[in-house]
Amino acid sequence: ARRAVTVLLSAVRTGPFWLLAGTFAICGASTNGLIQTHFIP
């Protein structure tokens, strides 16, 4: 658990992490959150 948090604290200091996290958040919103959950209803 400590290593996972340590790696995160190191990664958040870099710009690419935020860009990759932001794009992937939108990826999840438009797939698992939207189509997979709400397409059928």
All heavy atoms as atom14 arrays in JSON, in Angstrom:
{
  "sequence": "ARRAVTVLLSAVRTGPFWLLAGTFAICGASTNGLIQTHFIP",
  "atom14_mask": [
    [1, 1, 1, 1, 1, 0, 0, 0, 0, 0, 0, 0, 0, 0],
    [1, 1, 1, 1, 1, 1, 1, 1, 1, 1, 1, 0, 0, 0],
    [1, 1, 1, 1, 1, 1, 1, 1, 1, 1, 1, 0, 0, 0],
    [1, 1, 1, 1, 1, 0, 0, 0, 0, 0, 0, 0, 0, 0],
    [1, 1, 1, 1, 1, 1, 1, 0, 0, 0, 0, 0, 0, 0],
    [1, 1, 1, 1, 1, 1, 1, 0, 0, 0, 0, 0, 0, 0],
    [1, 1, 1, 1, 1, 1, 1, 0, 0, 0, 0, 0, 0, 0],
    [1, 1, 1, 1, 1, 1, 1, 1, 0, 0, 0, 0, 0, 0],
    [1, 1, 1, 1, 1, 1, 1, 1, 0, 0, 0, 0, 0, 0],
    [1, 1, 1, 1, 1, 1, 0, 0, 0, 0, 0, 0, 0, 0],
    [1, 1, 1, 1, 1, 0, 0, 0, 0, 0, 0, 0, 0, 0],
    [1, 1, 1, 1, 1, 1, 1, 0, 0, 0, 0, 0, 0, 0],
    [1, 1, 1, 1, 1, 1, 1, 1, 1, 1, 1, 0, 0, 0],
    [1, 1, 1, 1, 1, 1, 1, 0, 0, 0, 0, 0, 0, 0],
    [1, 1, 1, 1, 0, 0, 0, 0, 0, 0, 0, 0, 0, 0],
    [1, 1, 1, 1, 1, 1, 1, 0, 0, 0, 0, 0, 0, 0],
    [1, 1, 1, 1, 1, 1, 1, 1, 1, 1, 1, 0, 0, 0],
    [1, 1, 1, 1, 1, 1, 1, 1, 1, 1, 1, 1, 1, 1],
    [1, 1, 1, 1, 1, 1, 1, 1, 0, 0, 0, 0, 0, 0],
    [1, 1, 1, 1, 1, 1, 1, 1, 0, 0, 0, 0, 0, 0],
    [1, 1, 1, 1, 1, 0, 0, 0, 0, 0, 0, 0, 0, 0],
    [1, 1, 1, 1, 0, 0, 0, 0, 0, 0, 0, 0, 0, 0],
    [1, 1, 1, 1, 1, 1, 1, 0, 0, 0, 0, 0, 0, 0],
    [1, 1, 1, 1, 1, 1, 1, 1, 1, 1, 1, 0, 0, 0],
    [1, 1, 1, 1, 1, 0, 0, 0, 0, 0, 0, 0, 0, 0],
    [1, 1, 1, 1, 1, 1, 1, 1, 0, 0, 0, 0, 0, 0],
    [1, 1, 1, 1, 1, 1, 0, 0, 0, 0, 0, 0, 0, 0],
    [1, 1, 1, 1, 0, 0, 0, 0, 0, 0, 0, 0, 0, 0],
    [1, 1, 1, 1, 1, 0, 0, 0, 0, 0, 0, 0, 0, 0],
    [1, 1, 1, 1, 1, 1, 0, 0, 0, 0, 0, 0, 0, 0],
    [1, 1, 1, 1, 1, 1, 1, 0, 0, 0, 0, 0, 0, 0],
    [1, 1, 1, 1, 1, 1, 1, 1, 0, 0, 0, 0, 0, 0],
    [1, 1, 1, 1, 0, 0, 0, 0, 0, 0, 0, 0, 0, 0],
    [1, 1, 1, 1, 1, 1, 1, 1, 0, 0, 0, 0, 0, 0],
    [1, 1, 1, 1, 1, 1, 1, 1, 0, 0, 0, 0, 0, 0],
    [1, 1, 1, 1, 1, 1, 1, 1, 1, 0, 0, 0, 0, 0],
    [1, 1, 1, 1, 1, 1, 1, 0, 0, 0, 0, 0, 0, 0],
    [1, 1, 1, 1, 1, 1, 1, 1, 1, 1, 0, 0, 0, 0],
    [1, 1, 1, 1, 1, 1, 1, 1, 1, 1, 1, 0, 0, 0],
    [1, 1, 1, 1, 1, 1, 1, 1, 0, 0, 0, 0, 0, 0],
    [1, 1, 1, 1, 1, 1, 1, 0, 0, 0, 0, 0, 0, 0]
  ],
  "atom14_positions": [
    [[0.83, -1.21, 0.0], [0.0, 0.0, 0.0], [0.86, 1.26, 0.0], [0.59, 2.23, -0.72], [-0.93, 0.0, 1.21], [0.0, 0.0, 0.0], [0.0, 0.0, 0.0], [0.0, 0.0, 0.0], [0.0, 0.0, 0.0], [0.0, 0.0, 0.0], [0.0, 0.0, 0.0], [0.0, 0.0, 0.0], [0.0, 0.0, 0.0], [0.0, 0.0, 0.0]],
    [[1.94, 1.22, 0.8], [2.84, 2.38, 0.85], [3.49, 2.63, -0.5], [3.63, 3.78, -0.93], [3.9, 2.17, 1.93], [4.84, 3.35, 2.1], [5.77, 3.19, 3.3], [6.66, 2.05, 3.18], [6.53, 0.92, 3.85], [5.53, 0.77, 4.73], [7.39, -0.07, 3.71], [0.0, 0.0, 0.0], [0.0, 0.0, 0.0], [0.0, 0.0, 0.0]],
    [[3.88, 1.55, -1.18], [4.51, 1.72, -2.48], [3.53, 2.32, -3.49], [3.88, 3.19, -4.29], [5.01, 0.38, -3.01], [5.78, 0.55, -4.32], [6.21, -0.76, -4.91], [6.82, -0.52, -6.21], [6.83, -1.4, -7.2], [6.25, -2.57, -7.03], [7.39, -1.11, -8.34], [0.0, 0.0, 0.0], [0.0, 0.0, 0.0], [0.0, 0.0, 0.0]],
    [[2.25, 1.86, -3.46], [1.26, 2.39, -4.39], [1.08, 3.89, -4.18], [0.99, 4.66, -5.14], [-0.07, 1.67, -4.21], [0.0, 0.0, 0.0], [0.0, 0.0, 0.0], [0.0, 0.0, 0.0], [0.0, 0.0, 0.0], [0.0, 0.0, 0.0], [0.0, 0.0, 0.0], [0.0, 0.0, 0.0], [0.0, 0.0, 0.0], [0.0, 0.0, 0.0]],
    [[1.04, 4.31, -2.9], [0.87, 5.73, -2.61], [2.13, 6.52, -2.99], [2.05, 7.63, -3.53], [0.52, 5.93, -1.13], [0.49, 7.42, -0.78], [-0.82, 5.29, -0.8], [0.0, 0.0, 0.0], [0.0, 0.0, 0.0], [0.0, 0.0, 0.0], [0.0, 0.0, 0.0], [0.0, 0.0, 0.0], [0.0, 0.0, 0.0], [0.0, 0.0, 0.0]],
    [[3.3, 5.93, -2.71], [4.56, 6.6, -3.05], [4.69, 6.83, -4.55], [5.08, 7.91, -5.01], [5.76, 5.77, -2.55], [5.67, 5.61, -1.13], [7.07, 6.46, -2.9], [0.0, 0.0, 0.0], [0.0, 0.0, 0.0], [0.0, 0.0, 0.0], [0.0, 0.0, 0.0], [0.0, 0.0, 0.0], [0.0, 0.0, 0.0], [0.0, 0.0, 0.0]],
    [[4.33, 5.81, -5.33], [4.38, 5.94, -6.78], [3.41, 7.02, -7.25], [3.72, 7.82, -8.13], [4.06, 4.59, -7.46], [3.86, 4.77, -8.96], [5.19, 3.6, -7.2], [0.0, 0.0, 0.0], [0.0, 0.0, 0.0], [0.0, 0.0, 0.0], [0.0, 0.0, 0.0], [0.0, 0.0, 0.0], [0.0, 0.0, 0.0], [0.0, 0.0, 0.0]],
    [[2.22, 7.07, -6.64], [1.24, 8.1, -7.0], [1.79, 9.49, -6.71], [1.7, 10.4, -7.55], [-0.06, 7.88, -6.24], [-1.1, 9.0, -6.39], [-1.58, 9.11, -7.84], [-2.27, 8.78, -5.45], [0.0, 0.0, 0.0], [0.0, 0.0, 0.0], [0.0, 0.0, 0.0], [0.0, 0.0, 0.0], [0.0, 0.0, 0.0], [0.0, 0.0, 0.0]],
    [[2.37, 9.68, -5.51], [2.88, 10.99, -5.13], [3.99, 11.45, -6.07], [4.14, 12.64, -6.34], [3.39, 10.95, -3.69], [2.31, 10.76, -2.61], [2.94, 10.66, -1.24], [1.29, 11.89, -2.66], [0.0, 0.0, 0.0], [0.0, 0.0, 0.0], [0.0, 0.0, 0.0], [0.0, 0.0, 0.0], [0.0, 0.0, 0.0], [0.0, 0.0, 0.0]],
    [[4.76, 10.49, -6.58], [5.8, 10.83, -7.55], [5.19, 11.18, -8.9], [5.6, 12.14, -9.56], [6.78, 9.67, -7.69], [7.73, 9.92, -8.69], [0.0, 0.0, 0.0], [0.0, 0.0, 0.0], [0.0, 0.0, 0.0], [0.0, 0.0, 0.0], [0.0, 0.0, 0.0], [0.0, 0.0, 0.0], [0.0, 0.0, 0.0], [0.0, 0.0, 0.0]],
    [[4.17, 10.39, -9.31], [3.59, 10.59, -10.64], [2.82, 11.9, -10.75], [2.83, 12.54, -11.81], [2.67, 9.41, -10.98], [0.0, 0.0, 0.0], [0.0, 0.0, 0.0], [0.0, 0.0, 0.0], [0.0, 0.0, 0.0], [0.0, 0.0, 0.0], [0.0, 0.0, 0.0], [0.0, 0.0, 0.0], [0.0, 0.0, 0.0], [0.0, 0.0, 0.0]],
    [[2.14, 12.3, -9.66], [1.31, 13.51, -9.75], [2.14, 14.77, -9.91], [1.6, 15.83, -10.22], [0.4, 13.66, -8.5], [-0.6, 12.52, -8.42], [1.22, 13.77, -7.21], [0.0, 0.0, 0.0], [0.0, 0.0, 0.0], [0.0, 0.0, 0.0], [0.0, 0.0, 0.0], [0.0, 0.0, 0.0], [0.0, 0.0, 0.0], [0.0, 0.0, 0.0]],
    [[3.45, 14.67, -9.76], [4.32, 15.82, -9.98], [4.66, 16.0, -11.45], [5.34, 16.97, -11.81], [5.61, 15.68, -9.16], [5.4, 15.65, -7.65], [6.74, 15.68, -6.92], [6.56, 15.64, -5.48], [6.65, 14.53, -4.75], [6.94, 13.38, -5.35], [6.48, 14.57, -3.45], [0.0, 0.0, 0.0], [0.0, 0.0, 0.0], [0.0, 0.0, 0.0]],
    [[4.21, 15.1, -12.28], [4.52, 15.16, -13.71], [3.27, 15.51, -14.51], [2.16, 15.04, -14.19], [5.08, 13.82, -14.2], [4.07, 12.81, -14.11], [6.28, 13.4, -13.36], [0.0, 0.0, 0.0], [0.0, 0.0, 0.0], [0.0, 0.0, 0.0], [0.0, 0.0, 0.0], [0.0, 0.0, 0.0], [0.0, 0.0, 0.0], [0.0, 0.0, 0.0]],
    [[3.45, 16.31, -15.55], [2.33, 16.7, -16.39], [1.65, 15.55, -17.12], [0.41, 15.49, -17.19], [0.0, 0.0, 0.0], [0.0, 0.0, 0.0], [0.0, 0.0, 0.0], [0.0, 0.0, 0.0], [0.0, 0.0, 0.0], [0.0, 0.0, 0.0], [0.0, 0.0, 0.0], [0.0, 0.0, 0.0], [0.0, 0.0, 0.0], [0.0, 0.0, 0.0]],
    [[2.42, 14.6, -17.69], [1.77, 13.52, -18.43], [0.77, 12.72, -17.61], [-0.22, 12.24, -18.14], [2.96, 12.65, -18.86], [4.1, 13.6, -18.96], [3.89, 14.58, -17.86], [0.0, 0.0, 0.0], [0.0, 0.0, 0.0], [0.0, 0.0, 0.0], [0.0, 0.0, 0.0], [0.0, 0.0, 0.0], [0.0, 0.0, 0.0], [0.0, 0.0, 0.0]],
    [[1.03, 12.57, -16.3], [0.09, 11.81, -15.47], [-1.3, 12.44, -15.5], [-2.32, 11.74, -15.65], [0.59, 11.72, -14.02], [-0.4, 11.05, -13.1], [-0.47, 9.67, -13.03], [-1.27, 11.81, -12.33], [-1.39, 9.06, -12.2], [-2.19, 11.21, -11.49], [-2.25, 9.81, -11.42], [0.0, 0.0, 0.0], [0.0, 0.0, 0.0], [0.0, 0.0, 0.0]],
    [[-1.36, 13.76, -15.35], [-2.66, 14.43, -15.31], [-3.36, 14.37, -16.67], [-4.59, 14.23, -16.73], [-2.48, 15.88, -14.86], [-2.06, 15.95, -13.43], [-0.81, 16.26, -12.96], [-2.87, 15.69, -12.28], [-0.79, 16.2, -11.59], [-2.04, 15.86, -11.14], [-4.2, 15.33, -12.1], [-2.52, 15.67, -9.85], [-4.68, 15.14, -10.82], [-3.84, 15.32, -9.71]],
    [[-2.59, 14.46, -17.73], [-3.2, 14.35, -19.06], [-3.71, 12.94, -19.32], [-4.82, 12.76, -19.84], [-2.18, 14.76, -20.12], [-1.78, 16.24, -20.1], [-0.58, 16.48, -21.01], [-2.95, 17.12, -20.5], [0.0, 0.0, 0.0], [0.0, 0.0, 0.0], [0.0, 0.0, 0.0], [0.0, 0.0, 0.0], [0.0, 0.0, 0.0], [0.0, 0.0, 0.0]],
    [[-2.93, 11.95, -18.95], [-3.36, 10.57, -19.15], [-4.55, 10.24, -18.24], [-5.5, 9.57, -18.66], [-2.2, 9.61, -18.88], [-1.06, 9.65, -19.89], [0.15, 8.87, -19.37], [-1.52, 9.09, -21.23], [0.0, 0.0, 0.0], [0.0, 0.0, 0.0], [0.0, 0.0, 0.0], [0.0, 0.0, 0.0], [0.0, 0.0, 0.0], [0.0, 0.0, 0.0]],
    [[-4.5, 10.71, -17.0], [-5.62, 10.46, -16.08], [-6.88, 11.16, -16.56], [-7.98, 10.61, -16.48], [-5.25, 10.91, -14.67], [0.0, 0.0, 0.0], [0.0, 0.0, 0.0], [0.0, 0.0, 0.0], [0.0, 0.0, 0.0], [0.0, 0.0, 0.0], [0.0, 0.0, 0.0], [0.0, 0.0, 0.0], [0.0, 0.0, 0.0], [0.0, 0.0, 0.0]],
    [[-6.74, 12.38, -17.05], [-7.92, 13.12, -17.52], [-8.55, 12.49, -18.74], [-9.78, 12.33, -18.81], [0.0, 0.0, 0.0], [0.0, 0.0, 0.0], [0.0, 0.0, 0.0], [0.0, 0.0, 0.0], [0.0, 0.0, 0.0], [0.0, 0.0, 0.0], [0.0, 0.0, 0.0], [0.0, 0.0, 0.0], [0.0, 0.0, 0.0], [0.0, 0.0, 0.0]],
    [[-7.72, 12.09, -19.71], [-8.3, 11.45, -20.9], [-8.93, 10.11, -20.56], [-9.99, 9.76, -21.08], [-7.22, 11.25, -21.98], [-6.13, 10.5, -21.44], [-6.71, 12.57, -22.5], [0.0, 0.0, 0.0], [0.0, 0.0, 0.0], [0.0, 0.0, 0.0], [0.0, 0.0, 0.0], [0.0, 0.0, 0.0], [0.0, 0.0, 0.0], [0.0, 0.0, 0.0]],
    [[-8.3, 9.37, -19.65], [-8.84, 8.06, -19.31], [-10.1, 8.18, -18.46], [-10.96, 7.29, -18.5], [-7.78, 7.24, -18.59], [-7.68, 5.82, -19.1], [-7.74, 5.54, -20.46], [-7.51, 4.77, -18.22], [-7.65, 4.24, -20.93], [-7.42, 3.46, -18.68], [-7.49, 3.2, -20.03], [0.0, 0.0, 0.0], [0.0, 0.0, 0.0], [0.0, 0.0, 0.0]],
    [[-10.23, 9.26, -17.69], [-11.48, 9.49, -16.97], [-12.63, 9.68, -17.95], [-13.75, 9.16, -17.75], [-11.35, 10.71, -16.05], [0.0, 0.0, 0.0], [0.0, 0.0, 0.0], [0.0, 0.0, 0.0], [0.0, 0.0, 0.0], [0.0, 0.0, 0.0], [0.0, 0.0, 0.0], [0.0, 0.0, 0.0], [0.0, 0.0, 0.0], [0.0, 0.0, 0.0]],
    [[-12.37, 10.4, -19.02], [-13.4, 10.61, -20.04], [-13.67, 9.31, -20.79], [-14.82, 9.03, -21.16], [-12.96, 11.74, -20.99], [-12.9, 13.07, -20.22], [-13.9, 11.85, -22.19], [-12.29, 14.2, -21.0], [0.0, 0.0, 0.0], [0.0, 0.0, 0.0], [0.0, 0.0, 0.0], [0.0, 0.0, 0.0], [0.0, 0.0, 0.0], [0.0, 0.0, 0.0]],
    [[-12.64, 8.51, -20.98], [-12.83, 7.2, -21.59], [-13.8, 6.37, -20.75], [-14.75, 5.76, -21.28], [-11.49, 6.47, -21.72], [-11.61, 4.82, -22.44], [0.0, 0.0, 0.0], [0.0, 0.0, 0.0], [0.0, 0.0, 0.0], [0.0, 0.0, 0.0], [0.0, 0.0, 0.0], [0.0, 0.0, 0.0], [0.0, 0.0, 0.0], [0.0, 0.0, 0.0]],
    [[-13.58, 6.32, -19.45], [-14.47, 5.55, -18.58], [-15.88, 6.1, -18.55], [-16.86, 5.36, -18.53], [0.0, 0.0, 0.0], [0.0, 0.0, 0.0], [0.0, 0.0, 0.0], [0.0, 0.0, 0.0], [0.0, 0.0, 0.0], [0.0, 0.0, 0.0], [0.0, 0.0, 0.0], [0.0, 0.0, 0.0], [0.0, 0.0, 0.0], [0.0, 0.0, 0.0]],
    [[-15.98, 7.45, -18.55], [-17.3, 8.07, -18.55], [-18.11, 7.69, -19.78], [-19.33, 7.46, -19.7], [-17.15, 9.59, -18.47], [0.0, 0.0, 0.0], [0.0, 0.0, 0.0], [0.0, 0.0, 0.0], [0.0, 0.0, 0.0], [0.0, 0.0, 0.0], [0.0, 0.0, 0.0], [0.0, 0.0, 0.0], [0.0, 0.0, 0.0], [0.0, 0.0, 0.0]],
    [[-17.45, 7.58, -20.93], [-18.16, 7.34, -22.18], [-18.33, 5.87, -22.52], [-18.97, 5.54, -23.51], [-17.44, 8.06, -23.34], [-16.09, 7.65, -23.41], [0.0, 0.0, 0.0], [0.0, 0.0, 0.0], [0.0, 0.0, 0.0], [0.0, 0.0, 0.0], [0.0, 0.0, 0.0], [0.0, 0.0, 0.0], [0.0, 0.0, 0.0], [0.0, 0.0, 0.0]],
    [[-17.75, 4.97, -21.7], [-17.9, 3.53, -21.95], [-18.6, 2.86, -20.79], [-19.82, 2.67, -20.82], [-16.52, 2.89, -22.21], [-15.62, 3.22, -21.14], [-15.93, 3.37, -23.52], [0.0, 0.0, 0.0], [0.0, 0.0, 0.0], [0.0, 0.0, 0.0], [0.0, 0.0, 0.0], [0.0, 0.0, 0.0], [0.0, 0.0, 0.0], [0.0, 0.0, 0.0]],
    [[-17.86, 2.52, -19.73], [-18.45, 1.82, -18.6], [-19.55, 2.61, -17.92], [-20.59, 2.05, -17.54], [-17.37, 1.48, -17.56], [-16.27, 0.63, -18.14], [-15.33, 1.17, -18.71], [-16.35, -0.67, -18.02], [0.0, 0.0, 0.0], [0.0, 0.0, 0.0], [0.0, 0.0, 0.0], [0.0, 0.0, 0.0], [0.0, 0.0, 0.0], [0.0, 0.0, 0.0]],
    [[-19.32, 3.9, -17.74], [-20.32, 4.71, -17.04], [-21.55, 4.99, -17.86], [-22.67, 5.01, -17.33], [0.0, 0.0, 0.0], [0.0, 0.0, 0.0], [0.0, 0.0, 0.0], [0.0, 0.0, 0.0], [0.0, 0.0, 0.0], [0.0, 0.0, 0.0], [0.0, 0.0, 0.0], [0.0, 0.0, 0.0], [0.0, 0.0, 0.0], [0.0, 0.0, 0.0]],
    [[-21.38, 5.19, -19.17], [-22.49, 5.61, -20.02], [-23.12, 4.44, -20.77], [-24.25, 4.02, -20.48], [-22.0, 6.67, -21.01], [-23.06, 7.25, -21.95], [-24.12, 7.99, -21.16], [-22.4, 8.17, -22.97], [0.0, 0.0, 0.0], [0.0, 0.0, 0.0], [0.0, 0.0, 0.0], [0.0, 0.0, 0.0], [0.0, 0.0, 0.0], [0.0, 0.0, 0.0]],
    [[-22.4, 3.89, -21.73], [-22.98, 2.88, -22.61], [-23.25, 1.57, -21.86], [-24.35, 1.01, -21.94], [-22.07, 2.62, -23.82], [-21.93, 3.9, -24.66], [-22.62, 1.49, -24.67], [-23.21, 4.35, -25.31], [0.0, 0.0, 0.0], [0.0, 0.0, 0.0], [0.0, 0.0, 0.0], [0.0, 0.0, 0.0], [0.0, 0.0, 0.0], [0.0, 0.0, 0.0]],
    [[-22.25, 1.09, -21.12], [-22.44, -0.2, -20.45], [-23.52, -0.15, -19.38], [-24.26, -1.11, -19.2], [-21.12, -0.66, -19.83], [-21.16, -2.09, -19.33], [-19.79, -2.62, -19.03], [-19.02, -2.01, -18.3], [-19.45, -3.77, -19.59], [0.0, 0.0, 0.0], [0.0, 0.0, 0.0], [0.0, 0.0, 0.0], [0.0, 0.0, 0.0], [0.0, 0.0, 0.0]],
    [[-23.64, 0.97, -18.69], [-24.63, 1.08, -17.62], [-26.0, 1.52, -18.13], [-27.03, 0.99, -17.69], [-24.14, 2.07, -16.55], [-22.87, 1.64, -16.06], [-25.12, 2.15, -15.39], [0.0, 0.0, 0.0], [0.0, 0.0, 0.0], [0.0, 0.0, 0.0], [0.0, 0.0, 0.0], [0.0, 0.0, 0.0], [0.0, 0.0, 0.0], [0.0, 0.0, 0.0]],
    [[-26.05, 2.46, -19.07], [-27.32, 3.1, -19.4], [-27.84, 2.82, -20.8], [-28.97, 3.24, -21.12], [-27.2, 4.62, -19.2], [-27.01, 5.02, -17.77], [-27.99, 4.85, -16.81], [-25.93, 5.57, -17.12], [-27.54, 5.29, -15.64], [-26.3, 5.72, -15.8], [0.0, 0.0, 0.0], [0.0, 0.0, 0.0], [0.0, 0.0, 0.0], [0.0, 0.0, 0.0]],
    [[-27.08, 2.14, -21.65], [-27.57, 1.92, -23.01], [-28.83, 1.06, -23.02], [-29.81, 1.37, -23.72], [-26.49, 1.26, -23.87], [-26.97, 0.94, -25.26], [-27.02, 1.93, -26.24], [-27.39, -0.34, -25.61], [-27.48, 1.64, -27.52], [-27.84, -0.64, -26.88], [-27.89, 0.36, -27.85], [0.0, 0.0, 0.0], [0.0, 0.0, 0.0], [0.0, 0.0, 0.0]],
    [[-28.84, -0.02, -22.25], [-30.01, -0.92, -22.26], [-31.26, -0.22, -21.74], [-32.31, -0.25, -22.4], [-29.7, -2.2, -21.48], [-28.65, -3.02, -22.23], [-30.97, -3.04, -21.27], [-28.18, -4.27, -21.5], [0.0, 0.0, 0.0], [0.0, 0.0, 0.0], [0.0, 0.0, 0.0], [0.0, 0.0, 0.0], [0.0, 0.0, 0.0], [0.0, 0.0, 0.0]],
    [[-31.24, 0.44, -20.57], [-32.45, 1.15, -20.14], [-32.83, 2.29, -21.09], [-34.02, 2.57, -21.27], [-32.1, 1.67, -18.74], [-30.63, 1.57, -18.62], [-30.21, 0.45, -19.51], [0.0, 0.0, 0.0], [0.0, 0.0, 0.0], [0.0, 0.0, 0.0], [0.0, 0.0, 0.0], [0.0, 0.0, 0.0], [0.0, 0.0, 0.0], [0.0, 0.0, 0.0]]
  ]
}
